[in-house]
Amino acid sequence: MNSLPDGFHALVVGASGAIGAAFVDLLGATPRCASVRALHRHSTPPLDFADEDSIAQAARVLADGPRYHLIINAAGLLHGADFMPEKRLADLHYAQLLATFQANAFGPALLMRHFVPLLAKERAIVAMLSAKVGSIGDNRLGGWYSYRASKAALNMLVRTAAIEVARSHKDAVLVALHPGTVASNLSRPFRGDSIGRPAQDAAADLLRVLDALTPADSGSFRSWDGSVLPW
């Protein structure tokens, strides 16, 4: 991350997952990174997208520390103990829609609300892990209703927030990122262990993409190789 100031401070949300942990490891091994804070449901302070108060409280705790030059949200939900991605309209039900939107859109929205004020005034990046299946223009197969729609909603939230944040942080970049298929618990039911690449490789690719972005790229939707994805 040579584009960030020497001695930059980073924050990774969803740090207990495969790709979140990979971000923490890579940033922690970066000599120019002064600190990397890892938050998840069982961290100190805890941050749980199902608990709005925990998001606000975590921000209040971290407000006593340094301003952040890099904030990455790696949390997300595709399936749970009680559901898998819907294949048909007949599979839709409220509980799954709510849980998926809470994890993939509502929580990240509140994360931006409470943590954007903790950004450094110099160059700073906020990256939200999205998914290519959240692209409306690229949707050719259908299915996965809740996940697709929640990631499309996340993309709009990032785009909208980028417009506002540019007014107060002219050097900030807010971006939605598609990590590709990564070997993780999220992808395991879909042959992720065999077709996905290691989380360390995905995180390294995404950090390279972030390093190359400028404020003119804020509000964009990027793939792990840096290409622009259709909304």
Protein backbone atom coordinates (compact mmCIF):
# COMPACT_ATOMS: atom_id res chain seq x y z
CA MET A 1 0.00 0.00 0.00
CA ASN A 2 2.54 2.55 -1.16
CA SER A 3 -0.15 5.12 -1.95
CA LEU A 4 -1.05 5.50 1.72
CA PRO A 5 1.06 7.64 4.05
CA ASP A 6 3.98 6.02 5.81
CA GLY A 7 2.76 4.83 9.20
CA PHE A 8 -0.83 4.40 8.01
CA HIS A 9 -3.53 2.87 10.19
CA ALA A 10 -5.90 0.15 8.96
CA LEU A 11 -9.15 -1.41 10.15
CA VAL A 12 -10.58 -4.74 8.97
CA VAL A 13 -14.20 -5.63 9.77
CA GLY A 14 -15.19 -9.27 9.42
CA ALA A 15 -11.67 -10.23 10.44
CA SER A 16 -12.65 -13.71 11.66
CA GLY A 17 -13.46 -14.90 8.12
CA ALA A 18 -10.93 -16.31 5.68
CA ILE A 19 -10.40 -13.23 3.55
CA GLY A 20 -10.74 -10.82 6.49
CA ALA A 21 -8.03 -12.71 8.40
CA ALA A 22 -5.86 -12.66 5.27
CA PHE A 23 -6.17 -8.87 5.08
CA VAL A 24 -5.15 -8.59 8.73
CA ASP A 25 -2.11 -10.84 8.19
CA LEU A 26 -0.94 -9.02 5.06
CA LEU A 27 -1.39 -5.55 6.51
CA GLY A 28 0.26 -6.60 9.75
CA ALA A 29 3.30 -7.72 7.77
CA THR A 30 3.48 -4.43 5.86
CA PRO A 31 6.31 -2.31 7.30
CA ARG A 32 4.59 0.96 6.38
CA CYS A 33 1.42 -0.01 8.30
CA ALA A 34 1.61 1.36 11.84
CA SER A 35 -1.39 -0.59 13.08
CA VAL A 36 -4.17 -2.87 11.91
CA ARG A 37 -7.30 -3.26 14.04
CA ALA A 38 -9.38 -6.42 13.55
CA LEU A 39 -13.07 -6.36 14.40
CA HIS A 40 -15.69 -9.12 14.35
CA ARG A 41 -18.54 -10.42 16.50
CA HIS A 42 -16.20 -11.68 19.23
CA SER A 43 -13.50 -9.03 19.12
CA THR A 44 -12.89 -6.31 21.68
CA PRO A 45 -14.90 -4.25 21.07
CA PRO A 46 -17.34 -6.59 19.34
CA LEU A 47 -18.94 -5.56 16.06
CA ASP A 48 -22.00 -7.48 14.87
CA PHE A 49 -24.04 -6.37 11.87
CA ALA A 50 -27.12 -7.93 13.53
CA ASP A 51 -26.70 -5.47 16.43
CA GLU A 52 -26.87 -1.82 15.39
CA ASP A 53 -25.71 -0.63 18.81
CA SER A 54 -22.52 -2.69 18.56
CA ILE A 55 -21.52 -0.83 15.39
CA ALA A 56 -21.99 2.55 17.01
CA GLN A 57 -20.28 1.46 20.21
CA ALA A 58 -17.26 0.07 18.36
CA ALA A 59 -16.89 3.39 16.55
CA ARG A 60 -17.05 5.26 19.85
CA VAL A 61 -14.30 3.06 21.31
CA LEU A 62 -12.04 3.44 18.29
CA ALA A 63 -12.62 7.21 18.14
CA ASP A 64 -10.08 7.54 20.95
CA GLY A 65 -7.39 6.07 18.71
CA PRO A 66 -5.74 7.10 15.45
CA ARG A 67 -7.59 8.18 12.32
CA TYR A 68 -7.82 5.42 9.72
CA HIS A 69 -6.33 5.51 6.25
CA LEU A 70 -7.78 2.14 5.24
CA ILE A 71 -11.09 0.55 6.28
CA ILE A 72 -12.02 -2.81 4.75
CA ASN A 73 -15.32 -4.58 5.31
CA ALA A 74 -14.87 -8.29 4.59
CA ALA A 75 -18.05 -9.51 6.31
CA GLY A 76 -20.83 -11.07 4.28
CA LEU A 77 -23.55 -13.73 4.22
CA LEU A 78 -24.51 -16.11 1.42
CA HIS A 79 -25.94 -19.06 3.34
CA GLY A 80 -26.65 -20.01 6.93
CA ALA A 81 -27.50 -22.95 9.11
CA ASP A 82 -31.14 -22.73 8.03
CA PHE A 83 -30.93 -21.65 4.39
CA MET A 84 -29.04 -21.79 1.10
CA PRO A 85 -29.22 -19.34 -1.82
CA GLU A 86 -32.66 -19.39 -3.44
CA LYS A 87 -32.90 -20.98 -6.86
CA ARG A 88 -36.54 -19.99 -7.55
CA LEU A 89 -39.04 -17.33 -6.61
CA ALA A 90 -40.89 -20.08 -4.74
CA ASP A 91 -37.89 -20.34 -2.37
CA LEU A 92 -38.11 -16.75 -1.16
CA HIS A 93 -39.05 -16.08 2.44
CA TYR A 94 -38.81 -13.06 4.69
CA ALA A 95 -36.36 -14.42 7.28
CA GLN A 96 -33.69 -15.19 4.68
CA LEU A 97 -34.15 -11.89 2.89
CA LEU A 98 -33.86 -9.98 6.15
CA ALA A 99 -30.78 -11.86 7.38
CA THR A 100 -29.00 -11.49 4.05
CA PHE A 101 -29.75 -7.79 3.67
CA GLN A 102 -28.80 -7.17 7.29
CA ALA A 103 -25.36 -8.72 6.77
CA ASN A 104 -24.64 -7.50 3.25
CA ALA A 105 -26.31 -4.08 3.04
CA PHE A 106 -27.77 -2.72 6.28
CA GLY A 107 -24.71 -3.49 8.43
CA PRO A 108 -22.22 -2.06 5.92
CA ALA A 109 -24.39 1.05 5.55
CA LEU A 110 -24.25 1.66 9.29
CA LEU A 111 -20.56 0.87 9.26
CA MET A 112 -20.04 3.73 6.82
CA ARG A 113 -22.28 5.99 8.89
CA HIS A 114 -20.31 5.48 12.09
CA PHE A 115 -16.78 4.92 10.77
CA VAL A 116 -16.41 7.46 7.95
CA PRO A 117 -15.96 10.16 10.64
CA LEU A 118 -12.88 8.19 11.77
CA LEU A 119 -11.16 8.55 8.39
CA ALA A 120 -7.93 10.50 8.08
CA LYS A 121 -8.26 13.75 6.17
CA GLU A 122 -5.36 12.79 3.89
CA ARG A 123 -5.60 9.88 1.46
CA ALA A 124 -8.00 7.29 2.86
CA ILE A 125 -9.79 4.27 1.43
CA VAL A 126 -13.02 2.53 2.41
CA ALA A 127 -13.47 -0.82 0.67
CA MET A 128 -16.61 -2.91 0.85
CA LEU A 129 -16.43 -6.50 -0.36
CA SER A 130 -19.28 -6.94 -2.79
CA ALA A 131 -19.77 -9.65 -5.44
CA LYS A 132 -20.00 -9.82 -9.21
CA VAL A 133 -23.37 -11.56 -8.85
CA GLY A 134 -24.62 -8.26 -7.42
CA SER A 135 -24.21 -6.72 -10.86
CA ILE A 136 -27.62 -6.17 -12.46
CA GLY A 137 -26.10 -5.73 -15.91
CA ASP A 138 -24.12 -8.97 -15.63
CA ASN A 139 -26.99 -11.13 -14.32
CA ARG A 140 -27.54 -13.83 -16.94
CA LEU A 141 -28.29 -16.89 -14.83
CA GLY A 142 -30.81 -15.66 -12.25
CA GLY A 143 -31.23 -17.33 -8.87
CA TRP A 144 -29.53 -16.37 -5.61
CA TYR A 145 -32.18 -13.71 -5.10
CA SER A 146 -31.32 -12.44 -1.63
CA TYR A 147 -27.57 -12.43 -2.16
CA ARG A 148 -27.71 -10.76 -5.57
CA ALA A 149 -30.14 -8.09 -4.39
CA SER A 150 -28.28 -7.36 -1.15
CA LYS A 151 -24.99 -6.90 -2.96
CA ALA A 152 -26.67 -4.67 -5.56
CA ALA A 153 -28.01 -2.61 -2.64
CA LEU A 154 -24.51 -2.45 -1.14
CA ASN A 155 -23.15 -1.16 -4.43
CA MET A 156 -25.71 1.65 -4.46
CA LEU A 157 -24.92 2.53 -0.85
CA VAL A 158 -21.20 2.76 -1.66
CA ARG A 159 -21.86 4.87 -4.74
CA THR A 160 -24.13 7.24 -2.83
CA ALA A 161 -21.82 7.54 0.16
CA ALA A 162 -18.87 8.27 -2.14
CA ILE A 163 -20.65 11.34 -3.50
CA GLU A 164 -21.26 12.71 -0.01
CA VAL A 165 -17.85 11.83 1.45
CA ALA A 166 -16.06 13.56 -1.44
CA ARG A 167 -17.39 16.88 -0.13
CA SER A 168 -15.59 16.55 3.20
CA HIS A 169 -12.72 14.17 2.32
CA LYS A 170 -11.49 15.15 -1.13
CA ASP A 171 -8.71 12.55 -1.06
CA ALA A 172 -10.94 9.64 0.03
CA VAL A 173 -11.86 6.64 -2.09
CA LEU A 174 -14.95 4.52 -1.42
CA VAL A 175 -15.21 1.39 -3.53
CA ALA A 176 -17.11 -1.89 -3.87
CA LEU A 177 -14.83 -4.86 -4.59
CA HIS A 178 -15.45 -8.28 -6.13
CA PRO A 179 -12.86 -10.70 -4.69
CA GLY A 180 -13.55 -13.54 -7.11
CA THR A 181 -14.12 -17.08 -5.87
CA VAL A 182 -12.11 -17.61 -2.69
CA ALA A 183 -11.65 -20.85 -0.76
CA SER A 184 -13.68 -20.08 2.36
CA ASN A 185 -16.69 -21.15 4.40
CA LEU A 186 -18.85 -18.91 2.23
CA SER A 187 -17.90 -20.70 -1.00
CA ARG A 188 -17.39 -24.23 0.39
CA PRO A 189 -20.89 -25.54 -0.50
CA PHE A 190 -20.28 -24.40 -4.09
CA ARG A 191 -16.95 -26.20 -4.65
CA GLY A 192 -15.05 -23.17 -3.38
CA ASP A 193 -12.29 -25.35 -1.93
CA SER A 194 -11.53 -26.78 -5.36
CA ILE A 195 -12.23 -23.84 -7.70
CA GLY A 196 -11.46 -20.90 -5.41
CA ARG A 197 -8.03 -19.41 -4.88
CA PRO A 198 -6.42 -19.00 -1.45
CA ALA A 199 -7.67 -16.12 0.68
CA GLN A 200 -4.12 -14.73 0.94
CA ASP A 201 -3.91 -14.44 -2.85
CA ALA A 202 -7.32 -12.77 -3.08
CA ALA A 203 -6.50 -10.27 -0.35
CA ALA A 204 -3.16 -9.44 -1.97
CA ASP A 205 -4.89 -8.87 -5.33
CA LEU A 206 -7.45 -6.57 -3.74
CA LEU A 207 -4.83 -4.54 -1.89
CA ARG A 208 -3.05 -3.99 -5.20
CA VAL A 209 -6.31 -2.75 -6.74
CA LEU A 210 -6.92 -0.38 -3.83
CA ASP A 211 -3.38 0.96 -4.01
CA ALA A 212 -3.92 2.06 -7.62
CA LEU A 213 -7.26 3.83 -7.12
CA THR A 214 -7.51 7.62 -7.09
CA PRO A 215 -10.28 9.88 -5.76
CA ALA A 216 -11.62 9.99 -9.33
CA ASP A 217 -12.36 6.25 -8.95
CA SER A 218 -14.40 6.72 -5.78
CA GLY A 219 -17.84 5.18 -5.98
CA SER A 220 -16.82 2.53 -8.50
CA PHE A 221 -17.34 -1.24 -8.59
CA ARG A 222 -14.09 -3.12 -9.22
CA SER A 223 -13.03 -6.70 -9.69
CA TRP A 224 -9.98 -8.32 -8.10
CA ASP A 225 -8.01 -7.66 -11.29
CA GLY A 226 -8.82 -3.95 -11.25
CA SER A 227 -11.38 -4.04 -14.07
CA VAL A 228 -14.57 -1.98 -13.76
CA LEU A 229 -17.70 -4.09 -13.33
CA PRO A 230 -21.13 -3.10 -14.67
CA TRP A 231 -23.74 -1.98 -12.20
